[in-house]
Amino acid sequence: VAKEMEKLLAQIIHREKAEEQHEAEALRAE
């Protein structure tokens, strides 16, 4: 159960990092 929870948390972390990168790129472009 913990390992499957960890996989889901890793997906959330990956998505958050992608969103942060997108925001940083948008700010840089601005």
PDB file of all heavy atoms in Angstrom:
ATOM      1  N   VAL A   1       0.843  -1.201   0.000  1.00  0.00           N
ATOM      2  CA  VAL A   1       0.000   0.000   0.000  1.00  0.00           C
ATOM      3  C   VAL A   1       0.878   1.250   0.000  1.00  0.00           C
ATOM      4  O   VAL A   1       0.664   2.184  -0.767  1.00  0.00           O
ATOM      5  CB  VAL A   1      -0.942   0.009   1.222  1.00  0.00           C
ATOM      6  CG1 VAL A   1      -1.604   1.382   1.378  1.00  0.00           C
ATOM      7  CG2 VAL A   1      -2.011  -1.065   1.080  1.00  0.00           C
ATOM      8  N   ALA A   2       1.894   1.257   0.866  1.00  0.00           N
ATOM      9  CA  ALA A   2       2.788   2.413   0.950  1.00  0.00           C
ATOM     10  C   ALA A   2       3.533   2.644  -0.363  1.00  0.00           C
ATOM     11  O   ALA A   2       3.718   3.788  -0.788  1.00  0.00           O
ATOM     12  CB  ALA A   2       3.781   2.220   2.095  1.00  0.00           C
ATOM     13  N   LYS A   3       3.948   1.566  -1.012  1.00  0.00           N
ATOM     14  CA  LYS A   3       4.676   1.702  -2.278  1.00  0.00           C
ATOM     15  C   LYS A   3       3.786   2.298  -3.364  1.00  0.00           C
ATOM     16  O   LYS A   3       4.234   3.123  -4.163  1.00  0.00           O
ATOM     17  CB  LYS A   3       5.224   0.342  -2.714  1.00  0.00           C
ATOM     18  CG  LYS A   3       6.372  -0.157  -1.845  1.00  0.00           C
ATOM     19  CD  LYS A   3       6.775  -1.581  -2.196  1.00  0.00           C
ATOM     20  CE  LYS A   3       7.870  -2.089  -1.255  1.00  0.00           C
ATOM     21  NZ  LYS A   3       8.204  -3.519  -1.511  1.00  0.00           N
ATOM     22  N   GLU A   4       2.509   1.889  -3.392  1.00  0.00           N
ATOM     23  CA  GLU A   4       1.586   2.449  -4.379  1.00  0.00           C
ATOM     24  C   GLU A   4       1.271   3.906  -4.050  1.00  0.00           C
ATOM     25  O   GLU A   4       1.129   4.744  -4.951  1.00  0.00           O
ATOM     26  CB  GLU A   4       0.301   1.627  -4.438  1.00  0.00           C
ATOM     27  CG  GLU A   4       0.483   0.234  -5.015  1.00  0.00           C
ATOM     28  CD  GLU A   4       0.990   0.232  -6.451  1.00  0.00           C
ATOM     29  OE1 GLU A   4       0.683   1.187  -7.201  1.00  0.00           O
ATOM     30  OE2 GLU A   4       1.694  -0.725  -6.835  1.00  0.00           O
ATOM     31  N   MET A   5       1.177   4.230  -2.766  1.00  0.00           N
ATOM     32  CA  MET A   5       0.982   5.629  -2.365  1.00  0.00           C
ATOM     33  C   MET A   5       2.178   6.461  -2.795  1.00  0.00           C
ATOM     34  O   MET A   5       2.029   7.594  -3.271  1.00  0.00           O
ATOM     35  CB  MET A   5       0.790   5.719  -0.847  1.00  0.00           C
ATOM     36  CG  MET A   5      -0.525   5.163  -0.344  1.00  0.00           C
ATOM     37  SD  MET A   5      -0.658   5.265   1.473  1.00  0.00           S
ATOM     38  CE  MET A   5      -0.786   7.068   1.703  1.00  0.00           C
ATOM     39  N   GLU A   6       3.373   5.884  -2.627  1.00  0.00           N
ATOM     40  CA  GLU A   6       4.607   6.579  -3.014  1.00  0.00           C
ATOM     41  C   GLU A   6       4.610   6.874  -4.516  1.00  0.00           C
ATOM     42  O   GLU A   6       5.032   7.954  -4.942  1.00  0.00           O
ATOM     43  CB  GLU A   6       5.814   5.735  -2.621  1.00  0.00           C
ATOM     44  CG  GLU A   6       7.131   6.149  -3.241  1.00  0.00           C
ATOM     45  CD  GLU A   6       7.525   7.583  -2.955  1.00  0.00           C
ATOM     46  OE1 GLU A   6       7.086   8.124  -1.924  1.00  0.00           O
ATOM     47  OE2 GLU A   6       8.259   8.157  -3.770  1.00  0.00           O
ATOM     48  N   LYS A   7       4.130   5.942  -5.331  1.00  0.00           N
ATOM     49  CA  LYS A   7       4.056   6.167  -6.781  1.00  0.00           C
ATOM     50  C   LYS A   7       3.141   7.346  -7.101  1.00  0.00           C
ATOM     51  O   LYS A   7       3.452   8.186  -7.957  1.00  0.00           O
ATOM     52  CB  LYS A   7       3.541   4.909  -7.489  1.00  0.00           C
ATOM     53  CG  LYS A   7       4.508   3.742  -7.500  1.00  0.00           C
ATOM     54  CD  LYS A   7       3.879   2.540  -8.187  1.00  0.00           C
ATOM     55  CE  LYS A   7       4.766   1.308  -8.107  1.00  0.00           C
ATOM     56  NZ  LYS A   7       4.110   0.119  -8.718  1.00  0.00           N
ATOM     57  N   LEU A   8       2.007   7.414  -6.411  1.00  0.00           N
ATOM     58  CA  LEU A   8       1.061   8.515  -6.638  1.00  0.00           C
ATOM     59  C   LEU A   8       1.655   9.843  -6.190  1.00  0.00           C
ATOM     60  O   LEU A   8       1.486  10.873  -6.851  1.00  0.00           O
ATOM     61  CB  LEU A   8      -0.246   8.237  -5.897  1.00  0.00           C
ATOM     62  CG  LEU A   8      -1.077   7.071  -6.445  1.00  0.00           C
ATOM     63  CD1 LEU A   8      -2.235   6.751  -5.498  1.00  0.00           C
ATOM     64  CD2 LEU A   8      -1.612   7.397  -7.826  1.00  0.00           C
ATOM     65  N   LEU A   9       2.365   9.827  -5.062  1.00  0.00           N
ATOM     66  CA  LEU A   9       3.012  11.054  -4.577  1.00  0.00           C
ATOM     67  C   LEU A   9       4.101  11.506  -5.547  1.00  0.00           C
ATOM     68  O   LEU A   9       4.285  12.705  -5.774  1.00  0.00           O
ATOM     69  CB  LEU A   9       3.595  10.823  -3.182  1.00  0.00           C
ATOM     70  CG  LEU A   9       2.567  10.694  -2.055  1.00  0.00           C
ATOM     71  CD1 LEU A   9       3.238  10.230  -0.770  1.00  0.00           C
ATOM     72  CD2 LEU A   9       1.847  12.026  -1.819  1.00  0.00           C
ATOM     73  N   ALA A  10       4.817  10.533  -6.125  1.00  0.00           N
ATOM     74  CA  ALA A  10       5.855  10.863  -7.111  1.00  0.00           C
ATOM     75  C   ALA A  10       5.238  11.528  -8.335  1.00  0.00           C
ATOM     76  O   ALA A  10       5.812  12.470  -8.909  1.00  0.00           O
ATOM     77  CB  ALA A  10       6.620   9.605  -7.518  1.00  0.00           C
ATOM     78  N   GLN A  11       4.062  11.072  -8.736  1.00  0.00           N
ATOM     79  CA  GLN A  11       3.358  11.689  -9.861  1.00  0.00           C
ATOM     80  C   GLN A  11       2.967  13.123  -9.533  1.00  0.00           C
ATOM     81  O   GLN A  11       3.069  14.023 -10.378  1.00  0.00           O
ATOM     82  CB  GLN A  11       2.110  10.878 -10.211  1.00  0.00           C
ATOM     83  CG  GLN A  11       2.393   9.518 -10.818  1.00  0.00           C
ATOM     84  CD  GLN A  11       1.126   8.706 -11.034  1.00  0.00           C
ATOM     85  OE1 GLN A  11       0.008   9.233 -10.953  1.00  0.00           O
ATOM     86  NE2 GLN A  11       1.278   7.419 -11.302  1.00  0.00           N
ATOM     87  N   ILE A  12       2.515  13.342  -8.297  1.00  0.00           N
ATOM     88  CA  ILE A  12       2.138  14.691  -7.866  1.00  0.00           C
ATOM     89  C   ILE A  12       3.357  15.601  -7.875  1.00  0.00           C
ATOM     90  O   ILE A  12       3.298  16.742  -8.343  1.00  0.00           O
ATOM     91  CB  ILE A  12       1.500  14.645  -6.460  1.00  0.00           C
ATOM     92  CG1 ILE A  12       0.141  13.931  -6.528  1.00  0.00           C
ATOM     93  CG2 ILE A  12       1.342  16.049  -5.892  1.00  0.00           C
ATOM     94  CD1 ILE A  12      -0.483  13.666  -5.171  1.00  0.00           C
ATOM     95  N   ILE A  13       4.489  15.093  -7.362  1.00  0.00           N
ATOM     96  CA  ILE A  13       5.727  15.881  -7.341  1.00  0.00           C
ATOM     97  C   ILE A  13       6.157  16.225  -8.765  1.00  0.00           C
ATOM     98  O   ILE A  13       6.537  17.360  -9.063  1.00  0.00           O
ATOM     99  CB  ILE A  13       6.845  15.103  -6.609  1.00  0.00           C
ATOM    100  CG1 ILE A  13       6.509  14.977  -5.121  1.00  0.00           C
ATOM    101  CG2 ILE A  13       8.195  15.788  -6.801  1.00  0.00           C
ATOM    102  CD1 ILE A  13       7.436  14.038  -4.363  1.00  0.00           C
ATOM    103  N   HIS A  14       6.087  15.249  -9.658  1.00  0.00           N
ATOM    104  CA  HIS A  14       6.463  15.460 -11.058  1.00  0.00           C
ATOM    105  C   HIS A  14       5.573  16.521 -11.695  1.00  0.00           C
ATOM    106  O   HIS A  14       6.065  17.416 -12.405  1.00  0.00           O
ATOM    107  CB  HIS A  14       6.349  14.142 -11.827  1.00  0.00           C
ATOM    108  CG  HIS A  14       6.707  14.257 -13.278  1.00  0.00           C
ATOM    109  ND1 HIS A  14       8.009  14.384 -13.726  1.00  0.00           N
ATOM    110  CD2 HIS A  14       5.918  14.304 -14.396  1.00  0.00           C
ATOM    111  CE1 HIS A  14       8.015  14.482 -15.041  1.00  0.00           C
ATOM    112  NE2 HIS A  14       6.757  14.433 -15.476  1.00  0.00           N
ATOM    113  N   ARG A  15       4.267  16.432 -11.420  1.00  0.00           N
ATOM    114  CA  ARG A  15       3.324  17.406 -11.988  1.00  0.00           C
ATOM    115  C   ARG A  15       3.588  18.808 -11.432  1.00  0.00           C
ATOM    116  O   ARG A  15       3.554  19.799 -12.170  1.00  0.00           O
ATOM    117  CB  ARG A  15       1.892  16.969 -11.681  1.00  0.00           C
ATOM    118  CG  ARG A  15       0.830  17.845 -12.335  1.00  0.00           C
ATOM    119  CD  ARG A  15      -0.532  17.191 -12.268  1.00  0.00           C
ATOM    120  NE  ARG A  15      -1.001  16.972 -10.912  1.00  0.00           N
ATOM    121  CZ  ARG A  15      -1.151  15.779 -10.355  1.00  0.00           C
ATOM    122  NH1 ARG A  15      -0.833  14.684 -11.033  1.00  0.00           N
ATOM    123  NH2 ARG A  15      -1.596  15.667  -9.122  1.00  0.00           N
ATOM    124  N   GLU A  16       3.870  18.886 -10.138  1.00  0.00           N
ATOM    125  CA  GLU A  16       4.152  20.190  -9.525  1.00  0.00           C
ATOM    126  C   GLU A  16       5.421  20.811 -10.107  1.00  0.00           C
ATOM    127  O   GLU A  16       5.463  22.024 -10.365  1.00  0.00           O
ATOM    128  CB  GLU A  16       4.284  20.033  -8.001  1.00  0.00           C
ATOM    129  CG  GLU A  16       2.970  19.765  -7.308  1.00  0.00           C
ATOM    130  CD  GLU A  16       3.144  19.486  -5.825  1.00  0.00           C
ATOM    131  OE1 GLU A  16       4.293  19.262  -5.385  1.00  0.00           O
ATOM    132  OE2 GLU A  16       2.146  19.495  -5.111  1.00  0.00           O
ATOM    133  N   LYS A  17       6.445  19.988 -10.319  1.00  0.00           N
ATOM    134  CA  LYS A  17       7.689  20.498 -10.902  1.00  0.00           C
ATOM    135  C   LYS A  17       7.461  20.989 -12.327  1.00  0.00           C
ATOM    136  O   LYS A  17       8.011  22.012 -12.744  1.00  0.00           O
ATOM    137  CB  LYS A  17       8.765  19.410 -10.880  1.00  0.00           C
ATOM    138  CG  LYS A  17       9.331  19.133  -9.495  1.00  0.00           C
ATOM    139  CD  LYS A  17      10.449  18.104  -9.548  1.00  0.00           C
ATOM    140  CE  LYS A  17      11.068  17.899  -8.163  1.00  0.00           C
ATOM    141  NZ  LYS A  17      12.142  16.871  -8.190  1.00  0.00           N
ATOM    142  N   ALA A  18       6.627  20.249 -13.079  1.00  0.00           N
ATOM    143  CA  ALA A  18       6.320  20.657 -14.454  1.00  0.00           C
ATOM    144  C   ALA A  18       5.577  21.981 -14.465  1.00  0.00           C
ATOM    145  O   ALA A  18       5.844  22.866 -15.300  1.00  0.00           O
ATOM    146  CB  ALA A  18       5.493  19.576 -15.149  1.00  0.00           C
ATOM    147  N   GLU A  19       4.654  22.145 -13.514  1.00  0.00           N
ATOM    148  CA  GLU A  19       3.902  23.399 -13.425  1.00  0.00           C
ATOM    149  C   GLU A  19       4.821  24.557 -13.043  1.00  0.00           C
ATOM    150  O   GLU A  19       4.704  25.655 -13.582  1.00  0.00           O
ATOM    151  CB  GLU A  19       2.776  23.250 -12.397  1.00  0.00           C
ATOM    152  CG  GLU A  19       1.647  22.328 -12.866  1.00  0.00           C
ATOM    153  CD  GLU A  19       0.633  22.047 -11.764  1.00  0.00           C
ATOM    154  OE1 GLU A  19       0.863  22.498 -10.619  1.00  0.00           O
ATOM    155  OE2 GLU A  19      -0.383  21.386 -12.047  1.00  0.00           O
ATOM    156  N   GLU A  20       5.745  24.290 -12.109  1.00  0.00           N
ATOM    157  CA  GLU A  20       6.695  25.332 -11.703  1.00  0.00           C
ATOM    158  C   GLU A  20       7.583  25.733 -12.876  1.00  0.00           C
ATOM    159  O   GLU A  20       7.863  26.924 -13.077  1.00  0.00           O
ATOM    160  CB  GLU A  20       7.561  24.815 -10.547  1.00  0.00           C
ATOM    161  CG  GLU A  20       6.816  24.683  -9.227  1.00  0.00           C
ATOM    162  CD  GLU A  20       7.668  24.045  -8.157  1.00  0.00           C
ATOM    163  OE1 GLU A  20       8.853  23.740  -8.446  1.00  0.00           O
ATOM    164  OE2 GLU A  20       7.167  23.850  -7.032  1.00  0.00           O
ATOM    165  N   GLN A  21       8.025  24.746 -13.662  1.00  0.00           N
ATOM    166  CA  GLN A  21       8.871  25.032 -14.811  1.00  0.00           C
ATOM    167  C   GLN A  21       8.095  25.843 -15.851  1.00  0.00           C
ATOM    168  O   GLN A  21       8.621  26.789 -16.442  1.00  0.00           O
ATOM    169  CB  GLN A  21       9.367  23.732 -15.440  1.00  0.00           C
ATOM    170  CG  GLN A  21      10.322  23.951 -16.617  1.00  0.00           C
ATOM    171  CD  GLN A  21      10.875  22.654 -17.162  1.00  0.00           C
ATOM    172  OE1 GLN A  21      10.657  21.594 -16.602  1.00  0.00           O
ATOM    173  NE2 GLN A  21      11.590  22.731 -18.270  1.00  0.00           N
ATOM    174  N   HIS A  22       6.833  25.468 -16.051  1.00  0.00           N
ATOM    175  CA  HIS A  22       5.994  26.198 -17.012  1.00  0.00           C
ATOM    176  C   HIS A  22       5.820  27.650 -16.573  1.00  0.00           C
ATOM    177  O   HIS A  22       5.907  28.576 -17.383  1.00  0.00           O
ATOM    178  CB  HIS A  22       4.634  25.509 -17.132  1.00  0.00           C
ATOM    179  CG  HIS A  22       3.684  26.214 -18.048  1.00  0.00           C
ATOM    180  ND1 HIS A  22       3.817  26.204 -19.418  1.00  0.00           N
ATOM    181  CD2 HIS A  22       2.578  26.983 -17.780  1.00  0.00           C
ATOM    182  CE1 HIS A  22       2.849  26.914 -19.964  1.00  0.00           C
ATOM    183  NE2 HIS A  22       2.082  27.395 -18.987  1.00  0.00           N
ATOM    184  N   GLU A  23       5.569  27.855 -15.254  1.00  0.00           N
ATOM    185  CA  GLU A  23       5.404  29.211 -14.729  1.00  0.00           C
ATOM    186  C   GLU A  23       6.694  30.011 -14.866  1.00  0.00           C
ATOM    187  O   GLU A  23       6.658  31.202 -15.200  1.00  0.00           O
ATOM    188  CB  GLU A  23       4.970  29.147 -13.260  1.00  0.00           C
ATOM    189  CG  GLU A  23       3.541  28.632 -13.066  1.00  0.00           C
ATOM    190  CD  GLU A  23       3.197  28.453 -11.605  1.00  0.00           C
ATOM    191  OE1 GLU A  23       4.066  28.737 -10.741  1.00  0.00           O
ATOM    192  OE2 GLU A  23       2.071  28.023 -11.316  1.00  0.00           O
ATOM    193  N   ALA A  24       7.831  29.341 -14.606  1.00  0.00           N
ATOM    194  CA  ALA A  24       9.124  30.032 -14.719  1.00  0.00           C
ATOM    195  C   ALA A  24       9.391  30.434 -16.163  1.00  0.00           C
ATOM    196  O   ALA A  24       9.870  31.550 -16.436  1.00  0.00           O
ATOM    197  CB  ALA A  24      10.239  29.123 -14.205  1.00  0.00           C
ATOM    198  N   GLU A  25       9.074  29.550 -17.100  1.00  0.00           N
ATOM    199  CA  GLU A  25       9.281  29.857 -18.519  1.00  0.00           C
ATOM    200  C   GLU A  25       8.365  30.978 -18.969  1.00  0.00           C
ATOM    201  O   GLU A  25       8.766  31.857 -19.743  1.00  0.00           O
ATOM    202  CB  GLU A  25       9.042  28.594 -19.359  1.00  0.00           C
ATOM    203  CG  GLU A  25      10.128  27.535 -19.181  1.00  0.00           C
ATOM    204  CD  GLU A  25       9.803  26.239 -19.901  1.00  0.00           C
ATOM    205  OE1 GLU A  25       8.650  26.112 -20.381  1.00  0.00           O
ATOM    206  OE2 GLU A  25      10.685  25.361 -19.979  1.00  0.00           O
ATOM    207  N   ALA A  26       7.138  30.982 -18.491  1.00  0.00           N
ATOM    208  CA  ALA A  26       6.184  32.037 -18.850  1.00  0.00           C
ATOM    209  C   ALA A  26       6.657  33.378 -18.296  1.00  0.00           C
ATOM    210  O   ALA A  26       6.567  34.421 -18.978  1.00  0.00           O
ATOM    211  CB  ALA A  26       4.799  31.700 -18.307  1.00  0.00           C
ATOM    212  N   LEU A  27       7.172  33.362 -17.071  1.00  0.00           N
ATOM    213  CA  LEU A  27       7.668  34.597 -16.456  1.00  0.00           C
ATOM    214  C   LEU A  27       8.895  35.119 -17.200  1.00  0.00           C
ATOM    215  O   LEU A  27       9.030  36.337 -17.439  1.00  0.00           O
ATOM    216  CB  LEU A  27       8.014  34.325 -14.983  1.00  0.00           C
ATOM    217  CG  LEU A  27       8.414  35.541 -14.134  1.00  0.00           C
ATOM    218  CD1 LEU A  27       7.262  36.551 -14.087  1.00  0.00           C
ATOM    219  CD2 LEU A  27       8.790  35.103 -12.719  1.00  0.00           C
ATOM    220  N   ARG A  28       9.787  34.191 -17.585  1.00  0.00           N
ATOM    221  CA  ARG A  28      10.972  34.576 -18.330  1.00  0.00           C
ATOM    222  C   ARG A  28      10.588  35.169 -19.695  1.00  0.00           C
ATOM    223  O   ARG A  28      11.153  36.176 -20.132  1.00  0.00           O
ATOM    224  CB  ARG A  28      11.891  33.366 -18.525  1.00  0.00           C
ATOM    225  CG  ARG A  28      13.235  33.718 -19.163  1.00  0.00           C
ATOM    226  CD  ARG A  28      14.279  32.665 -18.875  1.00  0.00           C
ATOM    227  NE  ARG A  28      13.829  31.346 -19.251  1.00  0.00           N
ATOM    228  CZ  ARG A  28      13.614  30.357 -18.383  1.00  0.00           C
ATOM    229  NH1 ARG A  28      13.810  30.555 -17.093  1.00  0.00           N
ATOM    230  NH2 ARG A  28      13.202  29.173 -18.791  1.00  0.00           N
ATOM    231  N   ALA A  29       9.614  34.571 -20.341  1.00  0.00           N
ATOM    232  CA  ALA A  29       9.152  35.074 -21.640  1.00  0.00           C
ATOM    233  C   ALA A  29       8.540  36.466 -21.485  1.00  0.00           C
ATOM    234  O   ALA A  29       8.739  37.344 -22.336  1.00  0.00           O
ATOM    235  CB  ALA A  29       8.129  34.111 -22.241  1.00  0.00           C
ATOM    236  N   GLU A  30       7.835  36.664 -20.389  1.00  0.00           N
ATOM    237  CA  GLU A  30       7.220  37.974 -20.127  1.00  0.00           C
ATOM    238  C   GLU A  30       8.301  39.031 -19.914  1.00  0.00           C
ATOM    239  O   GLU A  30       8.219  40.146 -20.452  1.00  0.00           O
ATOM    240  CB  GLU A  30       6.319  37.873 -18.890  1.00  0.00           C
ATOM    241  CG  GLU A  30       5.585  39.158 -18.559  1.00  0.00           C
ATOM    242  CD  GLU A  30       4.725  39.033 -17.313  1.00  0.00           C
ATOM    243  OE1 GLU A  30       4.266  37.903 -17.015  1.00  0.00           O
ATOM    244  OE2 GLU A  30       4.515  40.056 -16.626  1.00  0.00           O
TER     245      GLU A  30
END
